[in-house]
Amino acid sequence: MKKYIVILLVPVFMISCKSKAVAVQNNTNEVVEAKTDKKAVEKHYENKLDFSTLYIKASAKYVDEKQSQNVTAEIKIEKDKQILVSVRFLGITMAKALITPNSVSYYEKINSTYYDGDFTSLSKWLGTELDYSKVQNLLVGEALDDLRKGKYTQTIVENLFRLEDEKDTKLKKTFFLEPEKYLLQKEQISQPAENRMLEIRYSDNKVFDQGTIPTTIEINAVQPKGKTDINLNYTNISFNEELSFPYSVPSGYKKVIIK
């Protein structure tokens, strides 16, 4: 089922899916002040999580115009090396994905299909650059892009620092940081000319010795044919345990070809 793959590979298949999402309309009620903080980006990265491995158990809800599905997800991260995501329904594993800096693999049981490729082919297919860091950043509440490497117009919007990418490209990126600890609250990615939009919201931050991580992630995409929402709620989080990353495609599955 498509919903299992979307939950598995949220950042891969929702950042810029060709049929997803329309551009966000500006909120005319927003109040923008002139005050800015030139060190906002620097302060944001003072919150960077310090860990070797991360284990997350989460509940996940997928909703589109035709269906709603509740599943559980198990996420294992070996920092900067690999991510294993398992999606289960009623205790049965319905899909799995293994993501590394050089490869993306997944399989799902409903249609007995699997994909095995790299970010190059996915980026070409989806029309925007993807990499391992974007996946890892989304799951731990960091900005998808490295804000230290870009140039942003900074304003205050509804008591949040808004960083808007200054590049005049077809892909518009905006990041919102809260003013106390400069944690990421929201990010928006849109391609107005192609009627695509993705909004990711982070909330319910929890503090650990290794740093602060959001425990609720809301992903909203809108398209002319309807809207897709995914809510992830982290129910169990642990750091620096010894984790295994078992992954193998069951025999007889059909390979998905991305052209």
Protein backbone atom coordinates (compact mmCIF):
# COMPACT_ATOMS: atom_id res chain seq x y z
CA MET A 1 0.00 0.00 0.00
CA LYS A 2 1.25 3.46 -0.86
CA LYS A 3 0.57 4.75 2.64
CA TYR A 4 3.09 2.35 4.15
CA ILE A 5 5.80 3.54 1.77
CA VAL A 6 4.99 7.19 2.48
CA ILE A 7 5.29 6.58 6.22
CA LEU A 8 8.52 4.64 5.68
CA LEU A 9 10.18 7.22 3.52
CA VAL A 10 8.49 10.44 4.61
CA PRO A 11 11.37 12.71 3.61
CA VAL A 12 12.08 10.87 0.40
CA PHE A 13 8.58 10.70 -1.00
CA MET A 14 7.06 13.85 0.50
CA ILE A 15 9.76 16.49 0.10
CA SER A 16 8.98 16.95 -3.57
CA CYS A 17 6.72 14.23 -4.92
CA LYS A 18 5.74 15.13 -8.48
CA SER A 19 2.00 14.83 -7.91
CA LYS A 20 1.92 16.28 -4.41
CA ALA A 21 1.23 19.61 -2.85
CA VAL A 22 0.27 23.14 -3.78
CA ALA A 23 2.01 26.32 -2.73
CA VAL A 24 1.24 27.79 0.69
CA GLN A 25 -0.79 30.97 0.62
CA ASN A 26 0.54 33.87 2.67
CA ASN A 27 -1.32 34.57 5.89
CA THR A 28 -2.43 38.18 5.72
CA ASN A 29 -2.86 38.23 9.51
CA GLU A 30 0.83 37.69 10.16
CA VAL A 31 2.68 40.55 11.82
CA VAL A 32 6.25 40.94 10.62
CA GLU A 33 8.62 43.04 12.72
CA ALA A 34 11.98 44.46 11.72
CA LYS A 35 13.88 42.97 14.65
CA THR A 36 16.19 40.07 13.80
CA ASP A 37 18.87 38.01 15.48
CA LYS A 38 22.00 37.62 13.37
CA LYS A 39 23.09 34.65 15.46
CA ALA A 40 19.81 32.73 15.15
CA VAL A 41 21.32 30.08 12.89
CA GLU A 42 24.36 29.68 15.11
CA LYS A 43 22.14 29.31 18.18
CA HIS A 44 19.95 26.78 16.39
CA TYR A 45 22.93 24.46 15.97
CA GLU A 46 23.85 24.71 19.64
CA ASN A 47 20.92 22.32 20.11
CA LYS A 48 22.44 19.62 17.90
CA LEU A 49 21.88 16.12 19.30
CA ASP A 50 25.01 14.28 20.44
CA PHE A 51 24.51 10.53 20.00
CA SER A 52 25.93 7.45 18.35
CA THR A 53 22.67 5.51 18.03
CA LEU A 54 19.03 6.45 18.48
CA TYR A 55 16.04 4.15 18.93
CA ILE A 56 12.52 5.50 18.43
CA LYS A 57 9.18 3.79 18.74
CA ALA A 58 6.31 5.81 17.33
CA SER A 59 2.66 5.77 16.50
CA ALA A 60 1.89 7.01 13.01
CA LYS A 61 -1.34 8.16 11.42
CA TYR A 62 -1.78 8.50 7.68
CA VAL A 63 -4.79 10.39 6.30
CA ASP A 64 -5.69 11.28 2.72
CA GLU A 65 -8.96 11.99 0.91
CA LYS A 66 -9.82 8.30 0.66
CA GLN A 67 -8.50 6.60 3.77
CA SER A 68 -7.10 6.83 7.27
CA GLN A 69 -4.65 4.34 8.73
CA ASN A 70 -3.00 4.01 12.14
CA VAL A 71 0.23 2.02 12.36
CA THR A 72 3.30 1.82 14.57
CA ALA A 73 6.83 2.57 13.43
CA GLU A 74 10.18 1.50 14.78
CA ILE A 75 13.08 3.78 13.81
CA LYS A 76 16.73 2.91 14.39
CA ILE A 77 19.46 5.42 13.59
CA GLU A 78 23.21 4.94 13.60
CA LYS A 79 24.22 8.56 13.29
CA ASP A 80 25.37 9.56 9.81
CA LYS A 81 25.59 5.90 8.76
CA GLN A 82 22.22 4.17 8.47
CA ILE A 83 18.52 4.37 9.28
CA LEU A 84 16.20 1.38 9.52
CA VAL A 85 12.44 1.99 9.60
CA SER A 86 9.87 -0.75 10.17
CA VAL A 87 6.13 -0.11 9.83
CA ARG A 88 3.76 -2.50 11.59
CA PHE A 89 -0.01 -2.96 11.60
CA LEU A 90 -1.54 -5.04 14.40
CA GLY A 91 1.95 -6.21 15.26
CA ILE A 92 2.71 -7.46 11.73
CA THR A 93 5.57 -5.87 9.80
CA MET A 94 4.03 -4.43 6.63
CA ALA A 95 7.05 -2.60 5.25
CA LYS A 96 10.71 -1.89 5.92
CA ALA A 97 13.24 0.65 4.66
CA LEU A 98 17.01 0.85 5.00
CA ILE A 99 18.59 4.20 4.22
CA THR A 100 22.34 4.87 4.06
CA PRO A 101 24.33 7.80 2.64
CA ASN A 102 24.67 5.88 -0.63
CA SER A 103 21.49 3.83 -0.95
CA VAL A 104 17.75 3.70 -0.36
CA SER A 105 16.00 0.33 -0.12
CA TYR A 106 12.49 -0.65 0.93
CA TYR A 107 9.94 -3.40 0.56
CA GLU A 108 6.24 -3.66 1.31
CA LYS A 109 4.14 -6.78 1.77
CA ILE A 110 0.74 -5.75 0.38
CA ASN A 111 1.89 -5.78 -3.24
CA SER A 112 5.10 -7.78 -2.63
CA THR A 113 7.30 -5.09 -4.18
CA TYR A 114 10.67 -3.62 -3.34
CA TYR A 115 12.97 -0.80 -4.40
CA ASP A 116 16.76 -0.75 -4.29
CA GLY A 117 18.62 2.29 -5.57
CA ASP A 118 20.40 5.47 -4.60
CA PHE A 119 19.61 9.12 -3.96
CA THR A 120 20.76 10.09 -7.46
CA SER A 121 17.96 8.23 -9.20
CA LEU A 122 15.39 9.31 -6.62
CA SER A 123 16.47 12.94 -6.88
CA LYS A 124 16.15 12.86 -10.66
CA TRP A 125 12.75 11.21 -10.45
CA LEU A 126 11.38 13.57 -7.80
CA GLY A 127 12.91 16.72 -9.25
CA THR A 128 14.81 17.91 -6.17
CA GLU A 129 18.07 17.02 -4.47
CA LEU A 130 17.78 14.42 -1.73
CA ASP A 131 20.37 12.93 0.57
CA TYR A 132 20.78 10.95 3.76
CA SER A 133 21.20 14.06 5.92
CA LYS A 134 17.71 15.34 5.02
CA VAL A 135 16.17 12.08 6.18
CA GLN A 136 18.09 12.04 9.44
CA ASN A 137 17.48 15.73 10.11
CA LEU A 138 13.73 15.40 9.67
CA LEU A 139 13.52 12.56 12.17
CA VAL A 140 15.48 14.40 14.90
CA GLY A 141 13.95 17.85 14.42
CA GLU A 142 16.78 19.65 12.63
CA ALA A 143 16.37 21.78 9.52
CA LEU A 144 16.38 19.73 6.34
CA ASP A 145 19.10 21.96 4.90
CA ASP A 146 22.28 23.04 6.65
CA LEU A 147 21.31 26.63 7.46
CA ARG A 148 24.97 27.56 7.96
CA LYS A 149 25.63 27.10 4.26
CA GLY A 150 22.82 29.26 2.91
CA LYS A 151 21.78 32.91 2.80
CA TYR A 152 18.45 33.80 4.33
CA THR A 153 16.24 36.84 4.75
CA GLN A 154 15.37 36.94 8.44
CA THR A 155 12.24 38.43 9.99
CA ILE A 156 10.04 37.91 13.05
CA VAL A 157 6.67 36.34 12.24
CA GLU A 158 4.19 35.54 15.00
CA ASN A 159 7.04 35.53 17.53
CA LEU A 160 9.11 33.09 15.49
CA PHE A 161 12.33 33.74 13.60
CA ARG A 162 11.54 33.21 9.91
CA LEU A 163 14.47 32.37 7.67
CA GLU A 164 13.58 32.56 4.00
CA ASP A 165 16.01 31.30 1.37
CA GLU A 166 17.31 34.24 -0.67
CA LYS A 167 18.00 32.16 -3.75
CA ASP A 168 15.69 33.02 -6.62
CA THR A 169 14.92 29.43 -7.53
CA LYS A 170 11.84 27.45 -8.36
CA LEU A 171 12.15 25.73 -5.00
CA LYS A 172 11.16 28.00 -2.09
CA LYS A 173 12.35 27.12 1.42
CA THR A 174 11.36 28.76 4.70
CA PHE A 175 12.38 27.79 8.24
CA PHE A 176 10.84 28.96 11.52
CA LEU A 177 12.77 28.93 14.83
CA GLU A 178 11.31 29.59 18.27
CA PRO A 179 12.99 32.53 20.10
CA GLU A 180 13.94 30.85 23.39
CA LYS A 181 16.22 27.97 22.40
CA TYR A 182 16.04 28.49 18.63
CA LEU A 183 14.58 25.04 18.08
CA LEU A 184 12.97 24.35 14.72
CA GLN A 185 9.19 24.77 14.90
CA LYS A 186 8.20 24.59 11.26
CA GLU A 187 9.64 24.38 7.75
CA GLN A 188 7.95 24.86 4.41
CA ILE A 189 9.10 23.75 0.98
CA SER A 190 7.13 24.77 -2.08
CA GLN A 191 7.36 24.89 -5.85
CA PRO A 192 4.64 27.42 -6.72
CA ALA A 193 5.04 27.10 -10.48
CA GLU A 194 4.39 23.36 -10.23
CA ASN A 195 1.75 23.57 -7.48
CA ARG A 196 3.65 21.63 -4.82
CA MET A 197 3.94 22.28 -1.10
CA LEU A 198 5.16 20.47 1.97
CA GLU A 199 4.92 21.73 5.55
CA ILE A 200 6.55 20.01 8.52
CA ARG A 201 5.77 21.04 12.12
CA TYR A 202 7.68 19.96 15.24
CA SER A 203 6.36 20.13 18.81
CA ASP A 204 6.36 18.53 22.27
CA ASN A 205 10.12 18.76 22.67
CA LYS A 206 11.72 16.46 25.23
CA VAL A 207 15.10 17.11 26.84
CA PHE A 208 17.66 14.31 27.23
CA ASP A 209 21.30 14.33 28.26
CA GLN A 210 22.12 14.05 24.55
CA GLY A 211 20.03 17.11 23.65
CA THR A 212 16.47 18.08 22.78
CA ILE A 213 14.28 16.19 20.33
CA PRO A 214 10.67 16.80 19.23
CA THR A 215 8.27 13.97 20.00
CA THR A 216 5.53 15.09 17.60
CA ILE A 217 6.07 15.62 13.88
CA GLU A 218 3.19 16.73 11.65
CA ILE A 219 3.65 16.49 7.90
CA ASN A 220 1.08 18.13 5.65
CA ALA A 221 1.03 18.06 1.85
CA VAL A 222 -1.72 19.49 -0.33
CA GLN A 223 -2.42 18.85 -4.00
CA PRO A 224 -5.28 19.62 -6.39
CA LYS A 225 -6.63 16.10 -5.91
CA GLY A 226 -6.58 16.26 -2.15
CA LYS A 227 -4.52 16.50 1.00
CA THR A 228 -2.21 14.06 2.73
CA ASP A 229 -1.40 14.27 6.45
CA ILE A 230 1.06 12.18 8.44
CA ASN A 231 1.41 12.50 12.21
CA LEU A 232 4.32 10.84 14.00
CA ASN A 233 4.24 10.64 17.80
CA TYR A 234 7.35 9.29 19.49
CA THR A 235 6.31 7.07 22.38
CA ASN A 236 9.72 5.66 23.33
CA ILE A 237 13.19 7.18 22.79
CA SER A 238 16.56 5.84 23.86
CA PHE A 239 20.13 6.77 22.99
CA ASN A 240 23.44 4.99 22.52
CA GLU A 241 22.20 1.43 22.85
CA GLU A 242 23.71 -1.37 20.79
CA LEU A 243 21.30 -1.74 17.86
CA SER A 244 21.03 -4.24 15.04
CA PHE A 245 19.88 -3.29 11.53
CA PRO A 246 18.51 -6.48 9.93
CA TYR A 247 17.17 -5.98 6.42
CA SER A 248 16.53 -8.41 3.59
CA VAL A 249 13.91 -8.46 0.85
CA PRO A 250 11.67 -11.54 1.02
CA SER A 251 12.02 -13.91 -1.90
CA GLY A 252 9.59 -13.56 -4.79
CA TYR A 253 9.11 -9.80 -4.47
CA LYS A 254 8.96 -7.69 -7.65
CA LYS A 255 11.43 -4.84 -8.06
CA VAL A 256 10.06 -1.33 -8.59
CA ILE A 257 11.80 0.51 -11.43
CA ILE A 258 12.03 4.29 -11.20
CA LYS A 259 12.48 6.01 -14.56
